[in-house]
Full PDB file with SEQRES, HELIX, SHEET, SSBOND, CRYST1, ORIGX, SCALE, CONECT and MASTER records, all heavy atoms in Angstrom:
SEQRES   1 A   33  PRO GLY PHE LEU ALA THR PRO PHE LEU HIS THR GLN ALA          
SEQRES   2 A   33  VAL ASN PRO ASP ASP LEU ASP ASP ASP TYR ASP GLN ASP          
SEQRES   3 A   33  ARG LEU VAL THR GLY SER MET                                  
HELIX    1 AA1 PRO A   16  ASP A   18  5                                   3    
HELIX    2 AA2 GLN A   25  LEU A   28  1                                   4    
CRYST1    1.000    1.000    1.000  90.00  90.00  90.00 P 1           1          
ORIGX1      1.000000  0.000000  0.000000        0.00000                         
ORIGX2      0.000000  1.000000  0.000000        0.00000                         
ORIGX3      0.000000  0.000000  1.000000        0.00000                         
SCALE1      1.000000  0.000000  0.000000        0.00000                         
SCALE2      0.000000  1.000000  0.000000        0.00000                         
SCALE3      0.000000  0.000000  1.000000        0.00000                         
ATOM      1  N   PRO A   1       8.614  11.453   4.582  1.00  0.00           N  
ATOM      2  CA  PRO A   1       7.787  12.528   5.145  1.00  0.00           C  
ATOM      3  C   PRO A   1       6.325  12.413   4.693  1.00  0.00           C  
ATOM      4  O   PRO A   1       6.047  12.247   3.509  1.00  0.00           O  
ATOM      5  CB  PRO A   1       8.435  13.802   4.604  1.00  0.00           C  
ATOM      6  CG  PRO A   1       9.852  13.402   4.336  1.00  0.00           C  
ATOM      7  CD  PRO A   1       9.778  11.965   3.865  1.00  0.00           C  
ATOM      8  N   GLY A   2       5.415  12.464   5.656  1.00  0.00           N  
ATOM      9  CA  GLY A   2       4.002  12.388   5.343  1.00  0.00           C  
ATOM     10  C   GLY A   2       3.453  10.987   5.166  1.00  0.00           C  
ATOM     11  O   GLY A   2       2.282  10.819   4.813  1.00  0.00           O  
ATOM     12  N   PHE A   3       4.250   9.968   5.427  1.00  0.00           N  
ATOM     13  CA  PHE A   3       3.824   8.574   5.232  1.00  0.00           C  
ATOM     14  C   PHE A   3       2.526   8.269   5.975  1.00  0.00           C  
ATOM     15  O   PHE A   3       1.577   7.722   5.422  1.00  0.00           O  
ATOM     16  CB  PHE A   3       4.923   7.617   5.702  1.00  0.00           C  
ATOM     17  CG  PHE A   3       4.577   6.160   5.583  1.00  0.00           C  
ATOM     18  CD1 PHE A   3       4.814   5.479   4.398  1.00  0.00           C  
ATOM     19  CD2 PHE A   3       4.013   5.462   6.648  1.00  0.00           C  
ATOM     20  CE1 PHE A   3       4.495   4.140   4.274  1.00  0.00           C  
ATOM     21  CE2 PHE A   3       3.689   4.119   6.529  1.00  0.00           C  
ATOM     22  CZ  PHE A   3       3.933   3.464   5.340  1.00  0.00           C  
ATOM     23  N   LEU A   4       2.480   8.623   7.253  1.00  0.00           N  
ATOM     24  CA  LEU A   4       1.313   8.297   8.070  1.00  0.00           C  
ATOM     25  C   LEU A   4       0.093   9.125   7.663  1.00  0.00           C  
ATOM     26  O   LEU A   4      -1.039   8.652   7.745  1.00  0.00           O  
ATOM     27  CB  LEU A   4       1.639   8.512   9.549  1.00  0.00           C  
ATOM     28  CG  LEU A   4       0.788   7.757  10.556  1.00  0.00           C  
ATOM     29  CD1 LEU A   4       0.817   6.258  10.283  1.00  0.00           C  
ATOM     30  CD2 LEU A   4       1.271   8.038  11.972  1.00  0.00           C  
ATOM     31  N   ALA A   5       0.310  10.340   7.209  1.00  0.00           N  
ATOM     32  CA  ALA A   5      -0.794  11.216   6.809  1.00  0.00           C  
ATOM     33  C   ALA A   5      -1.302  10.915   5.397  1.00  0.00           C  
ATOM     34  O   ALA A   5      -2.367  11.383   5.006  1.00  0.00           O  
ATOM     35  CB  ALA A   5      -0.357  12.676   6.895  1.00  0.00           C  
ATOM     36  N   THR A   6      -0.555  10.114   4.631  1.00  0.00           N  
ATOM     37  CA  THR A   6      -0.976   9.737   3.274  1.00  0.00           C  
ATOM     38  C   THR A   6      -2.031   8.642   3.378  1.00  0.00           C  
ATOM     39  O   THR A   6      -1.792   7.620   4.011  1.00  0.00           O  
ATOM     40  CB  THR A   6       0.233   9.222   2.457  1.00  0.00           C  
ATOM     41  OG1 THR A   6       1.235  10.240   2.413  1.00  0.00           O  
ATOM     42  CG2 THR A   6      -0.182   8.835   1.049  1.00  0.00           C  
ATOM     43  N   PRO A   7      -3.204   8.812   2.797  1.00  0.00           N  
ATOM     44  CA  PRO A   7      -4.292   7.838   2.969  1.00  0.00           C  
ATOM     45  C   PRO A   7      -3.922   6.413   2.565  1.00  0.00           C  
ATOM     46  O   PRO A   7      -3.255   6.184   1.553  1.00  0.00           O  
ATOM     47  CB  PRO A   7      -5.400   8.385   2.070  1.00  0.00           C  
ATOM     48  CG  PRO A   7      -5.128   9.837   1.979  1.00  0.00           C  
ATOM     49  CD  PRO A   7      -3.623   9.960   1.991  1.00  0.00           C  
ATOM     50  N   PHE A   8      -4.389   5.485   3.376  1.00  0.00           N  
ATOM     51  CA  PHE A   8      -4.325   4.054   3.081  1.00  0.00           C  
ATOM     52  C   PHE A   8      -5.355   3.811   1.981  1.00  0.00           C  
ATOM     53  O   PHE A   8      -6.511   4.232   2.090  1.00  0.00           O  
ATOM     54  CB  PHE A   8      -4.687   3.280   4.353  1.00  0.00           C  
ATOM     55  CG  PHE A   8      -4.539   1.793   4.255  1.00  0.00           C  
ATOM     56  CD1 PHE A   8      -3.299   1.204   4.411  1.00  0.00           C  
ATOM     57  CD2 PHE A   8      -5.644   0.980   4.058  1.00  0.00           C  
ATOM     58  CE1 PHE A   8      -3.151  -0.178   4.364  1.00  0.00           C  
ATOM     59  CE2 PHE A   8      -5.516  -0.406   4.003  1.00  0.00           C  
ATOM     60  CZ  PHE A   8      -4.259  -0.986   4.158  1.00  0.00           C  
ATOM     61  N   LEU A   9      -4.960   3.161   0.899  1.00  0.00           N  
ATOM     62  CA  LEU A   9      -5.799   3.102  -0.296  1.00  0.00           C  
ATOM     63  C   LEU A   9      -6.709   1.895  -0.425  1.00  0.00           C  
ATOM     64  O   LEU A   9      -7.565   1.858  -1.304  1.00  0.00           O  
ATOM     65  CB  LEU A   9      -4.908   3.169  -1.537  1.00  0.00           C  
ATOM     66  CG  LEU A   9      -4.056   4.434  -1.661  1.00  0.00           C  
ATOM     67  CD1 LEU A   9      -3.141   4.347  -2.876  1.00  0.00           C  
ATOM     68  CD2 LEU A   9      -4.945   5.663  -1.730  1.00  0.00           C  
ATOM     69  N   HIS A  10      -6.541   0.903   0.438  1.00  0.00           N  
ATOM     70  CA  HIS A  10      -7.247  -0.365   0.224  1.00  0.00           C  
ATOM     71  C   HIS A  10      -8.533  -0.469   1.038  1.00  0.00           C  
ATOM     72  O   HIS A  10      -8.636   0.064   2.133  1.00  0.00           O  
ATOM     73  CB  HIS A  10      -6.331  -1.532   0.573  1.00  0.00           C  
ATOM     74  CG  HIS A  10      -4.973  -1.398  -0.019  1.00  0.00           C  
ATOM     75  ND1 HIS A  10      -4.726  -1.509  -1.365  1.00  0.00           N  
ATOM     76  CD2 HIS A  10      -3.786  -1.098   0.552  1.00  0.00           C  
ATOM     77  CE1 HIS A  10      -3.445  -1.306  -1.594  1.00  0.00           C  
ATOM     78  NE2 HIS A  10      -2.856  -1.047  -0.451  1.00  0.00           N  
ATOM     79  N   THR A  11      -9.483  -1.203   0.486  1.00  0.00           N  
ATOM     80  CA  THR A  11     -10.716  -1.528   1.204  1.00  0.00           C  
ATOM     81  C   THR A  11     -10.969  -3.033   1.179  1.00  0.00           C  
ATOM     82  O   THR A  11     -11.846  -3.528   1.861  1.00  0.00           O  
ATOM     83  CB  THR A  11     -11.927  -0.810   0.595  1.00  0.00           C  
ATOM     84  OG1 THR A  11     -12.025  -1.153  -0.791  1.00  0.00           O  
ATOM     85  CG2 THR A  11     -11.802   0.702   0.750  1.00  0.00           C  
ATOM     86  N   GLN A  12     -10.187  -3.740   0.372  1.00  0.00           N  
ATOM     87  CA  GLN A  12     -10.280  -5.198   0.321  1.00  0.00           C  
ATOM     88  C   GLN A  12      -8.879  -5.786   0.233  1.00  0.00           C  
ATOM     89  O   GLN A  12      -7.916  -5.075  -0.012  1.00  0.00           O  
ATOM     90  CB  GLN A  12     -11.140  -5.654  -0.851  1.00  0.00           C  
ATOM     91  CG  GLN A  12     -10.669  -5.170  -2.205  1.00  0.00           C  
ATOM     92  CD  GLN A  12     -11.675  -5.501  -3.301  1.00  0.00           C  
ATOM     93  OE1 GLN A  12     -12.748  -6.017  -3.049  1.00  0.00           O  
ATOM     94  NE2 GLN A  12     -11.316  -5.193  -4.530  1.00  0.00           N  
ATOM     95  N   ALA A  13      -8.777  -7.077   0.445  1.00  0.00           N  
ATOM     96  CA  ALA A  13      -7.480  -7.756   0.502  1.00  0.00           C  
ATOM     97  C   ALA A  13      -6.637  -7.493  -0.745  1.00  0.00           C  
ATOM     98  O   ALA A  13      -7.156  -7.352  -1.845  1.00  0.00           O  
ATOM     99  CB  ALA A  13      -7.685  -9.258   0.675  1.00  0.00           C  
ATOM    100  N   VAL A  14      -5.334  -7.430  -0.520  1.00  0.00           N  
ATOM    101  CA  VAL A  14      -4.358  -7.316  -1.609  1.00  0.00           C  
ATOM    102  C   VAL A  14      -3.694  -8.683  -1.723  1.00  0.00           C  
ATOM    103  O   VAL A  14      -3.168  -9.216  -0.744  1.00  0.00           O  
ATOM    104  CB  VAL A  14      -3.300  -6.234  -1.295  1.00  0.00           C  
ATOM    105  CG1 VAL A  14      -2.236  -6.213  -2.372  1.00  0.00           C  
ATOM    106  CG2 VAL A  14      -3.959  -4.874  -1.147  1.00  0.00           C  
ATOM    107  N   ASN A  15      -3.734  -9.258  -2.921  1.00  0.00           N  
ATOM    108  CA  ASN A  15      -3.175 -10.583  -3.167  1.00  0.00           C  
ATOM    109  C   ASN A  15      -2.056 -10.499  -4.196  1.00  0.00           C  
ATOM    110  O   ASN A  15      -1.957  -9.524  -4.935  1.00  0.00           O  
ATOM    111  CB  ASN A  15      -4.278 -11.521  -3.684  1.00  0.00           C  
ATOM    112  CG  ASN A  15      -5.386 -11.678  -2.667  1.00  0.00           C  
ATOM    113  OD1 ASN A  15      -5.144 -12.138  -1.572  1.00  0.00           O  
ATOM    114  ND2 ASN A  15      -6.593 -11.266  -3.031  1.00  0.00           N  
ATOM    115  N   PRO A  16      -1.210 -11.534  -4.269  1.00  0.00           N  
ATOM    116  CA  PRO A  16      -0.092 -11.516  -5.234  1.00  0.00           C  
ATOM    117  C   PRO A  16      -0.527 -11.227  -6.669  1.00  0.00           C  
ATOM    118  O   PRO A  16       0.177 -10.547  -7.404  1.00  0.00           O  
ATOM    119  CB  PRO A  16       0.502 -12.921  -5.120  1.00  0.00           C  
ATOM    120  CG  PRO A  16       0.130 -13.392  -3.762  1.00  0.00           C  
ATOM    121  CD  PRO A  16      -1.205 -12.756  -3.458  1.00  0.00           C  
ATOM    122  N   ASP A  17      -1.703 -11.716  -7.063  1.00  0.00           N  
ATOM    123  CA  ASP A  17      -2.180 -11.492  -8.430  1.00  0.00           C  
ATOM    124  C   ASP A  17      -2.497 -10.028  -8.708  1.00  0.00           C  
ATOM    125  O   ASP A  17      -2.555  -9.604  -9.861  1.00  0.00           O  
ATOM    126  CB  ASP A  17      -3.437 -12.328  -8.700  1.00  0.00           C  
ATOM    127  CG  ASP A  17      -3.153 -13.817  -8.665  1.00  0.00           C  
ATOM    128  OD1 ASP A  17      -1.980 -14.208  -8.830  1.00  0.00           O  
ATOM    129  OD2 ASP A  17      -4.110 -14.596  -8.476  1.00  0.00           O  
ATOM    130  N   ASP A  18      -2.678  -9.248  -7.630  1.00  0.00           N  
ATOM    131  CA  ASP A  18      -3.004  -7.826  -7.777  1.00  0.00           C  
ATOM    132  C   ASP A  18      -1.759  -6.967  -7.987  1.00  0.00           C  
ATOM    133  O   ASP A  18      -1.873  -5.779  -8.276  1.00  0.00           O  
ATOM    134  CB  ASP A  18      -3.716  -7.302  -6.520  1.00  0.00           C  
ATOM    135  CG  ASP A  18      -4.988  -8.066  -6.219  1.00  0.00           C  
ATOM    136  OD1 ASP A  18      -5.630  -8.552  -7.173  1.00  0.00           O  
ATOM    137  OD2 ASP A  18      -5.332  -8.170  -5.027  1.00  0.00           O  
ATOM    138  N   LEU A  19      -0.582  -7.547  -7.809  1.00  0.00           N  
ATOM    139  CA  LEU A  19       0.649  -6.763  -7.766  1.00  0.00           C  
ATOM    140  C   LEU A  19       1.516  -6.950  -8.998  1.00  0.00           C  
ATOM    141  O   LEU A  19       1.580  -8.039  -9.572  1.00  0.00           O  
ATOM    142  CB  LEU A  19       1.459  -7.165  -6.524  1.00  0.00           C  
ATOM    143  CG  LEU A  19       0.719  -7.061  -5.186  1.00  0.00           C  
ATOM    144  CD1 LEU A  19       1.542  -7.684  -4.079  1.00  0.00           C  
ATOM    145  CD2 LEU A  19       0.409  -5.610  -4.881  1.00  0.00           C  
ATOM    146  N   ASP A  20       2.213  -5.882  -9.372  1.00  0.00           N  
ATOM    147  CA  ASP A  20       3.224  -5.977 -10.424  1.00  0.00           C  
ATOM    148  C   ASP A  20       4.450  -6.659  -9.838  1.00  0.00           C  
ATOM    149  O   ASP A  20       4.645  -6.692  -8.624  1.00  0.00           O  
ATOM    150  CB  ASP A  20       3.625  -4.580 -10.914  1.00  0.00           C  
ATOM    151  CG  ASP A  20       2.467  -3.856 -11.573  1.00  0.00           C  
ATOM    152  OD1 ASP A  20       1.598  -4.531 -12.150  1.00  0.00           O  
ATOM    153  OD2 ASP A  20       2.436  -2.609 -11.481  1.00  0.00           O  
ATOM    154  N   ASP A  21       5.322  -7.163 -10.700  1.00  0.00           N  
ATOM    155  CA  ASP A  21       6.539  -7.822 -10.221  1.00  0.00           C  
ATOM    156  C   ASP A  21       7.438  -6.878  -9.433  1.00  0.00           C  
ATOM    157  O   ASP A  21       8.158  -7.301  -8.542  1.00  0.00           O  
ATOM    158  CB  ASP A  21       7.333  -8.410 -11.400  1.00  0.00           C  
ATOM    159  CG  ASP A  21       6.637  -9.620 -12.001  1.00  0.00           C  
ATOM    160  OD1 ASP A  21       5.794 -10.230 -11.302  1.00  0.00           O  
ATOM    161  OD2 ASP A  21       6.928  -9.940 -13.161  1.00  0.00           O  
ATOM    162  N   ASP A  22       7.402  -5.603  -9.761  1.00  0.00           N  
ATOM    163  CA  ASP A  22       8.280  -4.645  -9.093  1.00  0.00           C  
ATOM    164  C   ASP A  22       7.500  -3.676  -8.190  1.00  0.00           C  
ATOM    165  O   ASP A  22       7.846  -2.517  -8.060  1.00  0.00           O  
ATOM    166  CB  ASP A  22       9.095  -3.866 -10.121  1.00  0.00           C  
ATOM    167  CG  ASP A  22       8.218  -3.090 -11.094  1.00  0.00           C  
ATOM    168  OD1 ASP A  22       6.994  -3.358 -11.146  1.00  0.00           O  
ATOM    169  OD2 ASP A  22       8.754  -2.212 -11.780  1.00  0.00           O  
ATOM    170  N   TYR A  23       6.467  -4.175  -7.529  1.00  0.00           N  
ATOM    171  CA  TYR A  23       5.652  -3.295  -6.687  1.00  0.00           C  
ATOM    172  C   TYR A  23       6.459  -2.748  -5.518  1.00  0.00           C  
ATOM    173  O   TYR A  23       7.407  -3.362  -5.059  1.00  0.00           O  
ATOM    174  CB  TYR A  23       4.396  -4.010  -6.201  1.00  0.00           C  
ATOM    175  CG  TYR A  23       4.605  -4.977  -5.049  1.00  0.00           C  
ATOM    176  CD1 TYR A  23       4.432  -4.550  -3.739  1.00  0.00           C  
ATOM    177  CD2 TYR A  23       4.946  -6.306  -5.270  1.00  0.00           C  
ATOM    178  CE1 TYR A  23       4.608  -5.421  -2.672  1.00  0.00           C  
ATOM    179  CE2 TYR A  23       5.128  -7.176  -4.218  1.00  0.00           C  
ATOM    180  CZ  TYR A  23       4.951  -6.735  -2.918  1.00  0.00           C  
ATOM    181  OH  TYR A  23       5.138  -7.603  -1.871  1.00  0.00           O  
ATOM    182  N   ASP A  24       6.058  -1.583  -5.060  1.00  0.00           N  
ATOM    183  CA  ASP A  24       6.696  -0.928  -3.918  1.00  0.00           C  
ATOM    184  C   ASP A  24       5.882  -1.272  -2.676  1.00  0.00           C  
ATOM    185  O   ASP A  24       4.796  -0.744  -2.462  1.00  0.00           O  
ATOM    186  CB  ASP A  24       6.736   0.587  -4.145  1.00  0.00           C  
ATOM    187  CG  ASP A  24       7.407   1.341  -3.015  1.00  0.00           C  
ATOM    188  OD1 ASP A  24       7.705   0.738  -1.968  1.00  0.00           O  
ATOM    189  OD2 ASP A  24       7.632   2.554  -3.176  1.00  0.00           O  
ATOM    190  N   GLN A  25       6.422  -2.156  -1.853  1.00  0.00           N  
ATOM    191  CA  GLN A  25       5.711  -2.622  -0.667  1.00  0.00           C  
ATOM    192  C   GLN A  25       5.322  -1.470   0.259  1.00  0.00           C  
ATOM    193  O   GLN A  25       4.228  -1.453   0.806  1.00  0.00           O  
ATOM    194  CB  GLN A  25       6.585  -3.631   0.084  1.00  0.00           C  
ATOM    195  CG  GLN A  25       5.925  -4.216   1.310  1.00  0.00           C  
ATOM    196  CD  GLN A  25       6.752  -5.328   1.916  1.00  0.00           C  
ATOM    197  OE1 GLN A  25       7.436  -6.061   1.221  1.00  0.00           O  
ATOM    198  NE2 GLN A  25       6.688  -5.455   3.223  1.00  0.00           N  
ATOM    199  N   ASP A  26       6.206  -0.503   0.423  1.00  0.00           N  
ATOM    200  CA  ASP A  26       5.929   0.608   1.322  1.00  0.00           C  
ATOM    201  C   ASP A  26       4.754   1.454   0.840  1.00  0.00           C  
ATOM    202  O   ASP A  26       3.955   1.939   1.640  1.00  0.00           O  
ATOM    203  CB  ASP A  26       7.171   1.480   1.494  1.00  0.00           C  
ATOM    204  CG  ASP A  26       8.313   0.702   2.125  1.00  0.00           C  
ATOM    205  OD1 ASP A  26       8.045  -0.089   3.050  1.00  0.00           O  
ATOM    206  OD2 ASP A  26       9.456   0.872   1.685  1.00  0.00           O  
ATOM    207  N   ARG A  27       4.638   1.614  -0.460  1.00  0.00           N  
ATOM    208  CA  ARG A  27       3.548   2.418  -1.004  1.00  0.00           C  
ATOM    209  C   ARG A  27       2.184   1.763  -0.733  1.00  0.00           C  
ATOM    210  O   ARG A  27       1.164   2.438  -0.650  1.00  0.00           O  
ATOM    211  CB  ARG A  27       3.757   2.605  -2.513  1.00  0.00           C  
ATOM    212  CG  ARG A  27       3.060   3.811  -3.057  1.00  0.00           C  
ATOM    213  CD  ARG A  27       3.496   4.143  -4.472  1.00  0.00           C  
ATOM    214  NE  ARG A  27       4.835   4.679  -4.616  1.00  0.00           N  
ATOM    215  CZ  ARG A  27       5.220   5.904  -4.274  1.00  0.00           C  
ATOM    216  NH1 ARG A  27       4.362   6.713  -3.724  1.00  0.00           N  
ATOM    217  NH2 ARG A  27       6.448   6.321  -4.475  1.00  0.00           N  
ATOM    218  N   LEU A  28       2.176   0.454  -0.550  1.00  0.00           N  
ATOM    219  CA  LEU A  28       0.931  -0.261  -0.284  1.00  0.00           C  
ATOM    220  C   LEU A  28       0.389  -0.014   1.115  1.00  0.00           C  
ATOM    221  O   LEU A  28      -0.779  -0.280   1.387  1.00  0.00           O  
ATOM    222  CB  LEU A  28       1.134  -1.769  -0.465  1.00  0.00           C  
ATOM    223  CG  LEU A  28       1.381  -2.262  -1.877  1.00  0.00           C  
ATOM    224  CD1 LEU A  28       1.673  -3.756  -1.866  1.00  0.00           C  
ATOM    225  CD2 LEU A  28       0.186  -1.963  -2.771  1.00  0.00           C  
ATOM    226  N   VAL A  29       1.238   0.452   2.028  1.00  0.00           N  
ATOM    227  CA  VAL A  29       0.821   0.543   3.430  1.00  0.00           C  
ATOM    228  C   VAL A  29       0.861   1.965   3.982  1.00  0.00           C  
ATOM    229  O   VAL A  29       0.855   2.165   5.190  1.00  0.00           O  
ATOM    230  CB  VAL A  29       1.644  -0.419   4.319  1.00  0.00           C  
ATOM    231  CG1 VAL A  29       1.330  -1.865   3.955  1.00  0.00           C  
ATOM    232  CG2 VAL A  29       3.140  -0.143   4.216  1.00  0.00           C  
ATOM    233  N   THR A  30       0.898   2.974   3.114  1.00  0.00           N  
ATOM    234  CA  THR A  30       0.842   4.348   3.608  1.00  0.00           C  
ATOM    235  C   THR A  30      -0.422   4.516   4.435  1.00  0.00           C  
ATOM    236  O   THR A  30      -1.422   3.819   4.222  1.00  0.00           O  
ATOM    237  CB  THR A  30       0.832   5.369   2.454  1.00  0.00           C  
ATOM    238  OG1 THR A  30      -0.289   5.096   1.611  1.00  0.00           O  
ATOM    239  CG2 THR A  30       2.124   5.347   1.662  1.00  0.00           C  
ATOM    240  N   GLY A  31      -0.379   5.445   5.387  1.00  0.00           N  
ATOM    241  CA  GLY A  31      -1.547   5.695   6.222  1.00  0.00           C  
ATOM    242  C   GLY A  31      -1.786   4.657   7.291  1.00  0.00           C  
ATOM    243  O   GLY A  31      -2.843   4.642   7.922  1.00  0.00           O  
ATOM    244  N   SER A  32      -0.814   3.771   7.497  1.00  0.00           N  
ATOM    245  CA  SER A  32      -0.948   2.743   8.528  1.00  0.00           C  
ATOM    246  C   SER A  32       0.351   2.623   9.300  1.00  0.00           C  
ATOM    247  O   SER A  32       1.404   3.055   8.842  1.00  0.00           O  
ATOM    248  CB  SER A  32      -1.307   1.390   7.899  1.00  0.00           C  
ATOM    249  OG  SER A  32      -0.199   0.838   7.207  1.00  0.00           O  
ATOM    250  N   MET A  33       0.267   2.030  10.485  1.00  0.00           N  
ATOM    251  CA  MET A  33       1.465   1.801  11.292  1.00  0.00           C  
ATOM    252  C   MET A  33       1.374   0.424  11.944  1.00  0.00           C  
ATOM    253  O   MET A  33       0.281  -0.085  12.212  1.00  0.00           O  
ATOM    254  CB  MET A  33       1.627   2.886  12.342  1.00  0.00           C  
ATOM    255  CG  MET A  33       0.516   3.002  13.323  1.00  0.00           C  
ATOM    256  SD  MET A  33       0.775   4.454  14.379  1.00  0.00           S  
ATOM    257  CE  MET A  33      -0.506   4.182  15.595  1.00  0.00           C  
TER     258      MET A  33                                                      
MASTER        0    0    0    2    0    0    0    6  257    1    0    3          
END                                                                             
């Protein structure tokens, strides 16, 4: 609930080095479809 209304947080590319080993992929793309 609220996924699309939750702001997308990025302004520049997200790369593997930016992520924790257990990152939540869905949380990275809120506010987008």
